[in-house]
């Protein structure tokens, strides 16, 4: 059994309005809830992520490291 504990990279005072459990796979990686039932407590999956992320260059470089 393996456990991974991660910190929140984007920790801020802003409330979380979407949560994602990202594995890097597409097999079975979509939420089966209808859009009108998704709220801030719903954990979405890889195929539900349809955002473009723009971060400062130095943040990007730190993330890649």
Protein backbone atom coordinates (compact mmCIF):
# COMPACT_ATOMS: atom_id res chain seq x y z
CA UNK A 1 0.00 0.00 0.00
CA UNK A 2 1.34 3.42 -0.96
CA UNK A 3 0.22 6.77 0.35
CA UNK A 4 1.05 10.16 -1.10
CA UNK A 5 0.56 13.29 1.00
CA UNK A 6 0.69 16.57 -0.89
CA UNK A 7 0.46 20.20 0.12
CA UNK A 8 -1.72 22.70 -1.67
CA UNK A 9 0.51 24.40 -4.26
CA UNK A 10 -2.01 27.18 -4.80
CA UNK A 11 -2.75 27.91 -1.14
CA UNK A 12 -4.47 31.29 -0.77
CA UNK A 13 -7.29 33.08 0.99
CA UNK A 14 -9.64 32.39 -1.95
CA UNK A 15 -12.37 29.81 -1.42
CA UNK A 16 -12.20 26.52 -3.35
CA UNK A 17 -15.07 26.33 -5.84
CA UNK A 18 -13.93 23.24 -7.79
CA UNK A 19 -11.95 20.20 -6.60
CA UNK A 20 -10.16 17.77 -8.90
CA UNK A 21 -8.62 14.35 -8.29
CA UNK A 22 -6.06 14.24 -11.11
CA UNK A 23 -4.29 10.99 -11.93
CA UNK A 24 -3.04 11.73 -15.46
CA UNK A 25 -5.23 9.05 -17.01
CA UNK A 26 -8.37 9.19 -19.11
CA UNK A 27 -9.72 5.68 -18.35
CA UNK A 28 -12.82 6.12 -16.19
CA UNK A 29 -11.72 9.62 -15.26
CA UNK A 30 -14.90 11.66 -15.63
CA UNK A 31 -17.51 12.54 -13.03
CA UNK A 32 -20.90 10.98 -13.58
CA UNK A 33 -22.87 13.83 -11.94
CA UNK A 34 -24.97 16.17 -14.09
CA UNK A 35 -23.65 19.76 -14.26
CA UNK A 36 -26.48 21.14 -12.12
CA UNK A 37 -25.55 18.75 -9.26
CA UNK A 38 -21.86 19.74 -9.16
CA UNK A 39 -20.94 22.03 -6.27
CA UNK A 40 -17.82 22.90 -4.24
CA UNK A 41 -17.94 19.53 -2.43
CA UNK A 42 -17.92 17.46 -5.65
CA UNK A 43 -14.57 15.92 -6.57
CA UNK A 44 -14.11 16.14 -10.31
CA UNK A 45 -11.70 14.01 -12.34
CA UNK A 46 -9.17 14.33 -15.17
CA UNK A 47 -11.60 14.59 -18.10
CA UNK A 48 -13.68 17.20 -16.26
CA UNK A 49 -10.75 19.65 -16.24
CA UNK A 50 -11.22 22.07 -19.12
CA UNK A 51 -9.39 25.14 -17.85
CA UNK A 52 -6.34 26.97 -19.16
CA UNK A 53 -3.90 27.85 -16.39
CA UNK A 54 -1.72 30.92 -16.67
CA UNK A 55 0.91 31.47 -13.99
CA UNK A 56 3.85 33.79 -13.58
CA UNK A 57 7.01 32.56 -15.30
CA UNK A 58 8.92 32.02 -12.03
CA UNK A 59 5.95 30.05 -10.59
CA UNK A 60 5.93 27.88 -13.71
CA UNK A 61 9.66 27.24 -13.42
CA UNK A 62 9.27 26.27 -9.74
CA UNK A 63 6.38 23.96 -10.62
CA UNK A 64 8.42 22.22 -13.32
CA UNK A 65 11.32 21.69 -10.89
